[in-house]
């Protein structure tokens, strides 16, 4: 598998768990606010043996609860993902996959094999093809992507796999009231929790123009969270650099 990095112990990637986090290389989206843009090329990072995951698990086994596969987009490496998932479950650990949800054909075998305990779905925009094409910087038809995401949600629900939804709030792109309202209205009955994440301009942001903008304020994040609650989302959190994770009620 090709990876861009490993975090041996994290308490913020799957809240309530101590997780080993693997960053898979490659992504089929080009979100202008992406702060891991170095991972977008499939040939980025380095090629490693899947057993590396086993080695890292053994080191932290007494403290670890789970493993998180993130990226990039992990589902671009389906064969490696299947083998890595089987390895993780062999240690008796929980597995969460952080995905944009657009490749249901890669998710389906993992779900059928009962390897996935939770899916962190990065909801980039309302499920409208034009919105997705703009926000995710797509070079393909937005309709196909939206249909894929909806299929991923359906499959998770069919298999009883919990979904947590996440949206990055980036200036001029995803910080509009109606933008968040439309997303919330579409996910309200399909996710366990909704995280609104403050755009971070300190990372390797893809767009220089977006990187130059200030992140949305905590107050703005709170306002958007309240909109999501109005649309019926039961558990809503905001995450900011300064204050961390906060539940909004």
C-alpha atoms as a PDB file:
ATOM      1  CA  UNK A   1       0.000   0.000   0.000  1.00  0.00           C
ATOM      2  CA  UNK A   2       1.072   3.612  -0.465  1.00  0.00           C
ATOM      3  CA  UNK A   3       0.825   5.831   2.579  1.00  0.00           C
ATOM      4  CA  UNK A   4       1.655   9.416   3.429  1.00  0.00           C
ATOM      5  CA  UNK A   5       2.149   8.938   7.143  1.00  0.00           C
ATOM      6  CA  UNK A   6       1.175   7.268  10.406  1.00  0.00           C
ATOM      7  CA  UNK A   7       0.050   8.635  13.764  1.00  0.00           C
ATOM      8  CA  UNK A   8       0.665   5.937  16.356  1.00  0.00           C
ATOM      9  CA  UNK A   9      -1.817   7.211  18.917  1.00  0.00           C
ATOM     10  CA  UNK A  10      -4.617   9.729  18.393  1.00  0.00           C
ATOM     11  CA  UNK A  11      -7.594  10.657  20.549  1.00  0.00           C
ATOM     12  CA  UNK A  12      -9.115  13.131  18.064  1.00  0.00           C
ATOM     13  CA  UNK A  13      -9.625  11.074  14.901  1.00  0.00           C
ATOM     14  CA  UNK A  14     -12.240   8.795  16.484  1.00  0.00           C
ATOM     15  CA  UNK A  15     -13.472  10.543  19.591  1.00  0.00           C
ATOM     16  CA  UNK A  16     -13.725   8.268  22.608  1.00  0.00           C
ATOM     17  CA  UNK A  17     -11.048   5.920  21.262  1.00  0.00           C
ATOM     18  CA  UNK A  18      -7.279   5.757  21.159  1.00  0.00           C
ATOM     19  CA  UNK A  19      -6.530   5.084  17.512  1.00  0.00           C
ATOM     20  CA  UNK A  20      -3.667   4.235  15.227  1.00  0.00           C
ATOM     21  CA  UNK A  21      -4.144   6.436  12.147  1.00  0.00           C
ATOM     22  CA  UNK A  22      -2.934   5.491   8.662  1.00  0.00           C
ATOM     23  CA  UNK A  23      -2.891   8.154   5.929  1.00  0.00           C
ATOM     24  CA  UNK A  24      -3.419   6.494   2.545  1.00  0.00           C
ATOM     25  CA  UNK A  25      -1.993   8.206  -0.519  1.00  0.00           C
ATOM     26  CA  UNK A  26      -4.137   9.337  -3.439  1.00  0.00           C
ATOM     27  CA  UNK A  27      -7.421  11.210  -3.740  1.00  0.00           C
ATOM     28  CA  UNK A  28      -9.982  11.550  -6.526  1.00  0.00           C
ATOM     29  CA  UNK A  29     -11.091  14.991  -5.274  1.00  0.00           C
ATOM     30  CA  UNK A  30      -9.230  18.299  -5.473  1.00  0.00           C
ATOM     31  CA  UNK A  31     -10.936  20.383  -2.802  1.00  0.00           C
ATOM     32  CA  UNK A  32      -9.303  23.834  -2.924  1.00  0.00           C
ATOM     33  CA  UNK A  33      -9.219  24.031   0.886  1.00  0.00           C
ATOM     34  CA  UNK A  34      -7.564  20.606   1.284  1.00  0.00           C
ATOM     35  CA  UNK A  35      -4.784  20.828   3.863  1.00  0.00           C
ATOM     36  CA  UNK A  36      -3.321  17.422   2.954  1.00  0.00           C
ATOM     37  CA  UNK A  37      -2.874  18.277  -0.718  1.00  0.00           C
ATOM     38  CA  UNK A  38       0.479  16.525  -0.810  1.00  0.00           C
ATOM     39  CA  UNK A  39      -1.447  13.248  -0.563  1.00  0.00           C
ATOM     40  CA  UNK A  40      -3.627  13.873  -3.641  1.00  0.00           C
ATOM     41  CA  UNK A  41      -1.311  12.148  -6.193  1.00  0.00           C
ATOM     42  CA  UNK A  42      -1.681   8.373  -6.009  1.00  0.00           C
ATOM     43  CA  UNK A  43       2.088   8.066  -6.351  1.00  0.00           C
ATOM     44  CA  UNK A  44       2.700  10.336  -3.336  1.00  0.00           C
ATOM     45  CA  UNK A  45       4.038   9.057  -0.042  1.00  0.00           C
ATOM     46  CA  UNK A  46       5.853   5.741   0.042  1.00  0.00           C
ATOM     47  CA  UNK A  47       5.046   2.137  -0.685  1.00  0.00           C
ATOM     48  CA  UNK A  48       5.132  -0.024   2.434  1.00  0.00           C
ATOM     49  CA  UNK A  49       4.283  -3.587   3.377  1.00  0.00           C
ATOM     50  CA  UNK A  50       0.877  -3.984   4.998  1.00  0.00           C
ATOM     51  CA  UNK A  51       2.567  -5.779   7.896  1.00  0.00           C
ATOM     52  CA  UNK A  52       3.830  -2.338   8.956  1.00  0.00           C
ATOM     53  CA  UNK A  53       0.355  -1.808  10.429  1.00  0.00           C
ATOM     54  CA  UNK A  54       0.748  -4.968  12.461  1.00  0.00           C
ATOM     55  CA  UNK A  55       4.129  -3.815  13.750  1.00  0.00           C
ATOM     56  CA  UNK A  56       2.708  -0.465  14.879  1.00  0.00           C
ATOM     57  CA  UNK A  57      -0.302  -2.135  16.492  1.00  0.00           C
ATOM     58  CA  UNK A  58       1.964  -4.452  18.492  1.00  0.00           C
ATOM     59  CA  UNK A  59       3.911  -1.469  19.814  1.00  0.00           C
ATOM     60  CA  UNK A  60       0.796   0.297  21.158  1.00  0.00           C
ATOM     61  CA  UNK A  61      -1.461  -2.712  21.658  1.00  0.00           C
ATOM     62  CA  UNK A  62      -2.066  -2.115  25.370  1.00  0.00           C
ATOM     63  CA  UNK A  63      -3.457   1.369  24.732  1.00  0.00           C
ATOM     64  CA  UNK A  64      -5.115   1.113  21.323  1.00  0.00           C
ATOM     65  CA  UNK A  65      -8.855   0.676  20.854  1.00  0.00           C
ATOM     66  CA  UNK A  66      -9.083   1.190  17.107  1.00  0.00           C
ATOM     67  CA  UNK A  67      -7.440   1.911  13.780  1.00  0.00           C
ATOM     68  CA  UNK A  68      -8.488   4.715  11.425  1.00  0.00           C
ATOM     69  CA  UNK A  69      -7.795   4.612   7.691  1.00  0.00           C
ATOM     70  CA  UNK A  70      -7.813   8.134   6.264  1.00  0.00           C
ATOM     71  CA  UNK A  71      -6.079   9.989   3.476  1.00  0.00           C
ATOM     72  CA  UNK A  72      -6.181  11.073   0.830  1.00  0.00           C
ATOM     73  CA  UNK A  73      -8.946   8.655  -0.103  1.00  0.00           C
ATOM     74  CA  UNK A  74      -8.319   5.127   1.224  1.00  0.00           C
ATOM     75  CA  UNK A  75     -10.863   3.515  -1.118  1.00  0.00           C
ATOM     76  CA  UNK A  76      -8.582   4.202  -4.091  1.00  0.00           C
ATOM     77  CA  UNK A  77      -6.477   1.268  -2.831  1.00  0.00           C
ATOM     78  CA  UNK A  78      -9.176  -1.401  -2.396  1.00  0.00           C
ATOM     79  CA  UNK A  79      -6.980  -4.512  -2.375  1.00  0.00           C
ATOM     80  CA  UNK A  80      -4.579  -3.062   0.173  1.00  0.00           C
ATOM     81  CA  UNK A  81      -7.513  -1.776   2.212  1.00  0.00           C
ATOM     82  CA  UNK A  82      -9.091  -5.231   2.379  1.00  0.00           C
ATOM     83  CA  UNK A  83      -5.866  -6.881   3.509  1.00  0.00           C
ATOM     84  CA  UNK A  84      -5.156  -4.121   6.014  1.00  0.00           C
ATOM     85  CA  UNK A  85      -8.694  -4.337   7.378  1.00  0.00           C
ATOM     86  CA  UNK A  86      -8.403  -8.086   7.883  1.00  0.00           C
ATOM     87  CA  UNK A  87      -5.117  -7.534   9.710  1.00  0.00           C
ATOM     88  CA  UNK A  88      -6.693  -4.931  12.021  1.00  0.00           C
ATOM     89  CA  UNK A  89      -9.646  -7.177  12.881  1.00  0.00           C
ATOM     90  CA  UNK A  90      -7.209 -10.014  13.565  1.00  0.00           C
ATOM     91  CA  UNK A  91      -5.939  -7.963  16.488  1.00  0.00           C
ATOM     92  CA  UNK A  92      -9.486  -7.508  17.781  1.00  0.00           C
ATOM     93  CA  UNK A  93      -9.476  -3.748  17.149  1.00  0.00           C
ATOM     94  CA  UNK A  94     -12.268  -1.586  15.760  1.00  0.00           C
ATOM     95  CA  UNK A  95     -11.856  -0.046  12.323  1.00  0.00           C
ATOM     96  CA  UNK A  96     -13.086   3.296  11.011  1.00  0.00           C
ATOM     97  CA  UNK A  97     -12.685   4.452   7.419  1.00  0.00           C
ATOM     98  CA  UNK A  98     -12.583   8.174   6.660  1.00  0.00           C
ATOM     99  CA  UNK A  99     -13.854   8.560   3.097  1.00  0.00           C
ATOM    100  CA  UNK A 100     -15.534  10.953   0.705  1.00  0.00           C
ATOM    101  CA  UNK A 101     -17.927   8.109  -0.067  1.00  0.00           C
ATOM    102  CA  UNK A 102     -17.703   8.373  -3.843  1.00  0.00           C
ATOM    103  CA  UNK A 103     -16.379   4.842  -4.506  1.00  0.00           C
ATOM    104  CA  UNK A 104     -19.085   2.442  -3.266  1.00  0.00           C
ATOM    105  CA  UNK A 105     -17.622  -0.409  -5.321  1.00  0.00           C
ATOM    106  CA  UNK A 106     -14.571  -0.385  -3.037  1.00  0.00           C
ATOM    107  CA  UNK A 107     -16.601   0.021   0.138  1.00  0.00           C
ATOM    108  CA  UNK A 108     -19.004  -2.841  -0.559  1.00  0.00           C
ATOM    109  CA  UNK A 109     -16.531  -5.749  -0.101  1.00  0.00           C
ATOM    110  CA  UNK A 110     -15.300  -4.269   3.177  1.00  0.00           C
ATOM    111  CA  UNK A 111     -18.839  -3.995   4.507  1.00  0.00           C
ATOM    112  CA  UNK A 112     -19.775  -7.496   3.359  1.00  0.00           C
ATOM    113  CA  UNK A 113     -16.711  -8.854   5.160  1.00  0.00           C
ATOM    114  CA  UNK A 114     -17.812  -7.064   8.368  1.00  0.00           C
ATOM    115  CA  UNK A 115     -14.484  -5.261   8.602  1.00  0.00           C
ATOM    116  CA  UNK A 116     -15.839  -1.743   9.151  1.00  0.00           C
ATOM    117  CA  UNK A 117     -17.238  -0.558  12.487  1.00  0.00           C
ATOM    118  CA  UNK A 118     -17.713   3.103  11.622  1.00  0.00           C
ATOM    119  CA  UNK A 119     -17.511   5.365   8.584  1.00  0.00           C
ATOM    120  CA  UNK A 120     -16.448   8.995   8.803  1.00  0.00           C
ATOM    121  CA  UNK A 121     -18.111  10.503   5.745  1.00  0.00           C
ATOM    122  CA  UNK A 122     -16.618  13.766   4.529  1.00  0.00           C
ATOM    123  CA  UNK A 123     -19.675  15.547   3.151  1.00  0.00           C
ATOM    124  CA  UNK A 124     -18.207  18.248   0.954  1.00  0.00           C
ATOM    125  CA  UNK A 125     -21.423  19.888  -0.214  1.00  0.00           C
ATOM    126  CA  UNK A 126     -25.169  19.376  -0.542  1.00  0.00           C
ATOM    127  CA  UNK A 127     -25.960  16.290  -2.639  1.00  0.00           C
ATOM    128  CA  UNK A 128     -26.350  18.378  -5.768  1.00  0.00           C
ATOM    129  CA  UNK A 129     -24.035  17.531  -8.708  1.00  0.00           C
ATOM    130  CA  UNK A 130     -23.163  21.144  -9.517  1.00  0.00           C
ATOM    131  CA  UNK A 131     -22.305  21.915  -5.890  1.00  0.00           C
ATOM    132  CA  UNK A 132     -20.102  18.846  -5.570  1.00  0.00           C
ATOM    133  CA  UNK A 133     -18.313  19.531  -8.830  1.00  0.00           C
ATOM    134  CA  UNK A 134     -17.466  23.057  -7.641  1.00  0.00           C
ATOM    135  CA  UNK A 135     -16.529  22.369  -4.022  1.00  0.00           C
ATOM    136  CA  UNK A 136     -14.594  19.145  -4.613  1.00  0.00           C
ATOM    137  CA  UNK A 137     -12.811  20.414  -7.729  1.00  0.00           C
ATOM    138  CA  UNK A 138     -14.125  17.470  -9.722  1.00  0.00           C
ATOM    139  CA  UNK A 139     -12.937  16.698 -13.217  1.00  0.00           C
ATOM    140  CA  UNK A 140     -15.756  14.182 -13.700  1.00  0.00           C
ATOM    141  CA  UNK A 141     -19.533  14.371 -13.727  1.00  0.00           C
ATOM    142  CA  UNK A 142     -20.834  15.477 -10.343  1.00  0.00           C
ATOM    143  CA  UNK A 143     -23.943  13.339 -10.782  1.00  0.00           C
ATOM    144  CA  UNK A 144     -21.941  10.113 -10.722  1.00  0.00           C
ATOM    145  CA  UNK A 145     -20.142  11.204  -7.559  1.00  0.00           C
ATOM    146  CA  UNK A 146     -23.343  12.157  -5.735  1.00  0.00           C
ATOM    147  CA  UNK A 147     -24.990   8.886  -6.696  1.00  0.00           C
ATOM    148  CA  UNK A 148     -21.942   7.022  -5.387  1.00  0.00           C
ATOM    149  CA  UNK A 149     -22.094   8.827  -2.049  1.00  0.00           C
ATOM    150  CA  UNK A 150     -25.792   8.068  -1.657  1.00  0.00           C
ATOM    151  CA  UNK A 151     -25.092   4.412  -2.434  1.00  0.00           C
ATOM    152  CA  UNK A 152     -22.342   4.326   0.196  1.00  0.00           C
ATOM    153  CA  UNK A 153     -24.760   5.725   2.784  1.00  0.00           C
ATOM    154  CA  UNK A 154     -27.389   3.153   1.821  1.00  0.00           C
ATOM    155  CA  UNK A 155     -24.923   0.271   2.107  1.00  0.00           C
ATOM    156  CA  UNK A 156     -23.739   1.388   5.546  1.00  0.00           C
ATOM    157  CA  UNK A 157     -27.317   1.556   6.755  1.00  0.00           C
ATOM    158  CA  UNK A 158     -28.081  -1.862   5.292  1.00  0.00           C
ATOM    159  CA  UNK A 159     -25.128  -3.358   7.185  1.00  0.00           C
ATOM    160  CA  UNK A 160     -25.779  -1.440  10.400  1.00  0.00           C
ATOM    161  CA  UNK A 161     -22.519   0.516  10.189  1.00  0.00           C
ATOM    162  CA  UNK A 162     -22.659   3.866  11.970  1.00  0.00           C
ATOM    163  CA  UNK A 163     -21.868   7.006   9.990  1.00  0.00           C
ATOM    164  CA  UNK A 164     -20.437  10.207  11.359  1.00  0.00           C
ATOM    165  CA  UNK A 165     -20.675  13.111   8.939  1.00  0.00           C
ATOM    166  CA  UNK A 166     -18.068  15.847   8.648  1.00  0.00           C
ATOM    167  CA  UNK A 167     -17.996  19.109   6.727  1.00  0.00           C
ATOM    168  CA  UNK A 168     -15.036  21.466   6.534  1.00  0.00           C
ATOM    169  CA  UNK A 169     -16.176  25.072   6.798  1.00  0.00           C
ATOM    170  CA  UNK A 170     -13.960  27.047   4.437  1.00  0.00           C
ATOM    171  CA  UNK A 171     -14.296  30.755   3.592  1.00  0.00           C
ATOM    172  CA  UNK A 172     -16.086  31.582   0.318  1.00  0.00           C
ATOM    173  CA  UNK A 173     -16.643  27.871  -0.384  1.00  0.00           C
ATOM    174  CA  UNK A 174     -18.622  26.112   2.341  1.00  0.00           C
ATOM    175  CA  UNK A 175     -19.394  28.781   4.951  1.00  0.00           C
ATOM    176  CA  UNK A 176     -22.836  29.824   3.709  1.00  0.00           C
ATOM    177  CA  UNK A 177     -25.917  29.413   5.909  1.00  0.00           C
ATOM    178  CA  UNK A 178     -28.021  27.821   3.163  1.00  0.00           C
ATOM    179  CA  UNK A 179     -25.102  25.633   2.108  1.00  0.00           C
ATOM    180  CA  UNK A 180     -24.939  24.035   5.556  1.00  0.00           C
ATOM    181  CA  UNK A 181     -28.719  23.979   5.885  1.00  0.00           C
ATOM    182  CA  UNK A 182     -29.057  21.893   2.722  1.00  0.00           C
ATOM    183  CA  UNK A 183     -26.383  19.445   3.853  1.00  0.00           C
ATOM    184  CA  UNK A 184     -27.969  19.074   7.285  1.00  0.00           C
ATOM    185  CA  UNK A 185     -31.422  18.446   5.839  1.00  0.00           C
ATOM    186  CA  UNK A 186     -30.002  15.619   3.707  1.00  0.00           C
ATOM    187  CA  UNK A 187     -27.964  13.838   6.391  1.00  0.00           C
ATOM    188  CA  UNK A 188     -30.191  14.319   9.436  1.00  0.00           C
ATOM    189  CA  UNK A 189     -31.620  10.789   9.351  1.00  0.00           C
ATOM    190  CA  UNK A 190     -28.443   9.106   8.184  1.00  0.00           C
ATOM    191  CA  UNK A 191     -25.702  10.015  10.646  1.00  0.00           C
ATOM    192  CA  UNK A 192     -25.001   9.504  14.326  1.00  0.00           C
ATOM    193  CA  UNK A 193     -23.205  12.822  14.713  1.00  0.00           C
ATOM    194  CA  UNK A 194     -22.258  15.817  12.570  1.00  0.00           C
ATOM    195  CA  UNK A 195     -18.905  17.577  12.914  1.00  0.00           C
ATOM    196  CA  UNK A 196     -18.344  21.045  11.485  1.00  0.00           C
ATOM    197  CA  UNK A 197     -14.594  21.465  11.147  1.00  0.00           C
ATOM    198  CA  UNK A 198     -12.930  24.856  10.948  1.00  0.00           C
ATOM    199  CA  UNK A 199     -10.782  25.300   7.843  1.00  0.00           C
ATOM    200  CA  UNK A 200      -7.094  25.296   8.785  1.00  0.00           C
ATOM    201  CA  UNK A 201      -4.885  27.514   6.629  1.00  0.00           C
ATOM    202  CA  UNK A 202      -1.652  26.407   8.309  1.00  0.00           C
ATOM    203  CA  UNK A 203      -1.389  23.147   6.398  1.00  0.00           C
ATOM    204  CA  UNK A 204      -0.427  22.278   2.824  1.00  0.00           C
ATOM    205  CA  UNK A 205      -3.540  23.957   1.376  1.00  0.00           C
ATOM    206  CA  UNK A 206      -4.137  23.203  -2.295  1.00  0.00           C
ATOM    207  CA  UNK A 207      -5.321  26.684  -3.334  1.00  0.00           C
ATOM    208  CA  UNK A 208      -2.957  29.593  -2.533  1.00  0.00           C
ATOM    209  CA  UNK A 209      -5.927  31.970  -2.729  1.00  0.00           C
ATOM    210  CA  UNK A 210      -7.874  30.014  -0.114  1.00  0.00           C
ATOM    211  CA  UNK A 211      -4.804  29.561   2.081  1.00  0.00           C
ATOM    212  CA  UNK A 212      -4.484  33.351   2.259  1.00  0.00           C
ATOM    213  CA  UNK A 213      -7.983  33.682   3.785  1.00  0.00           C
ATOM    214  CA  UNK A 214      -8.771  33.707   7.485  1.00  0.00           C
ATOM    215  CA  UNK A 215     -10.589  30.654   8.882  1.00  0.00           C
ATOM    216  CA  UNK A 216     -14.224  31.239   9.899  1.00  0.00           C
ATOM    217  CA  UNK A 217     -14.634  32.521  13.450  1.00  0.00           C
ATOM    218  CA  UNK A 218     -15.848  30.366  16.320  1.00  0.00           C
ATOM    219  CA  UNK A 219     -18.994  32.478  16.384  1.00  0.00           C
ATOM    220  CA  UNK A 220     -19.667  31.696  12.715  1.00  0.00           C
ATOM    221  CA  UNK A 221     -19.076  28.008  13.370  1.00  0.00           C
ATOM    222  CA  UNK A 222     -21.580  28.107  16.221  1.00  0.00           C
ATOM    223  CA  UNK A 223     -24.172  29.805  14.005  1.00  0.00           C
ATOM    224  CA  UNK A 224     -23.800  27.129  11.344  1.00  0.00           C
ATOM    225  CA  UNK A 225     -24.059  24.385  13.951  1.00  0.00           C
ATOM    226  CA  UNK A 226     -27.322  25.889  15.190  1.00  0.00           C
ATOM    227  CA  UNK A 227     -28.649  25.805  11.628  1.00  0.00           C
ATOM    228  CA  UNK A 228     -27.831  22.093  11.429  1.00  0.00           C
ATOM    229  CA  UNK A 229     -29.700  21.517  14.696  1.00  0.00           C
ATOM    230  CA  UNK A 230     -32.701  23.397  13.320  1.00  0.00           C
ATOM    231  CA  UNK A 231     -32.738  20.918  10.434  1.00  0.00           C
ATOM    232  CA  UNK A 232     -33.054  18.027  12.867  1.00  0.00           C
ATOM    233  CA  UNK A 233     -29.476  16.781  13.306  1.00  0.00           C
ATOM    234  CA  UNK A 234     -29.394  15.408  16.848  1.00  0.00           C
ATOM    235  CA  UNK A 235     -25.715  15.696  17.771  1.00  0.00           C
ATOM    236  CA  UNK A 236     -23.681  18.559  16.333  1.00  0.00           C
ATOM    237  CA  UNK A 237     -20.136  19.539  17.235  1.00  0.00           C
ATOM    238  CA  UNK A 238     -17.788  22.244  16.040  1.00  0.00           C
ATOM    239  CA  UNK A 239     -14.036  21.835  15.954  1.00  0.00           C
ATOM    240  CA  UNK A 240     -11.738  24.855  15.998  1.00  0.00           C
ATOM    241  CA  UNK A 241      -7.971  25.143  16.359  1.00  0.00           C
ATOM    242  CA  UNK A 242      -8.177  27.255  19.500  1.00  0.00           C
ATOM    243  CA  UNK A 243     -10.998  25.601  21.424  1.00  0.00           C
ATOM    244  CA  UNK A 244     -10.988  22.079  20.083  1.00  0.00           C
ATOM    245  CA  UNK A 245     -14.190  20.068  20.057  1.00  0.00           C
ATOM    246  CA  UNK A 246     -17.389  21.600  21.400  1.00  0.00           C
ATOM    247  CA  UNK A 247     -20.911  20.235  21.339  1.00  0.00           C
ATOM    248  CA  UNK A 248     -23.594  22.719  20.304  1.00  0.00           C
ATOM    249  CA  UNK A 249     -27.060  22.281  21.807  1.00  0.00           C
END
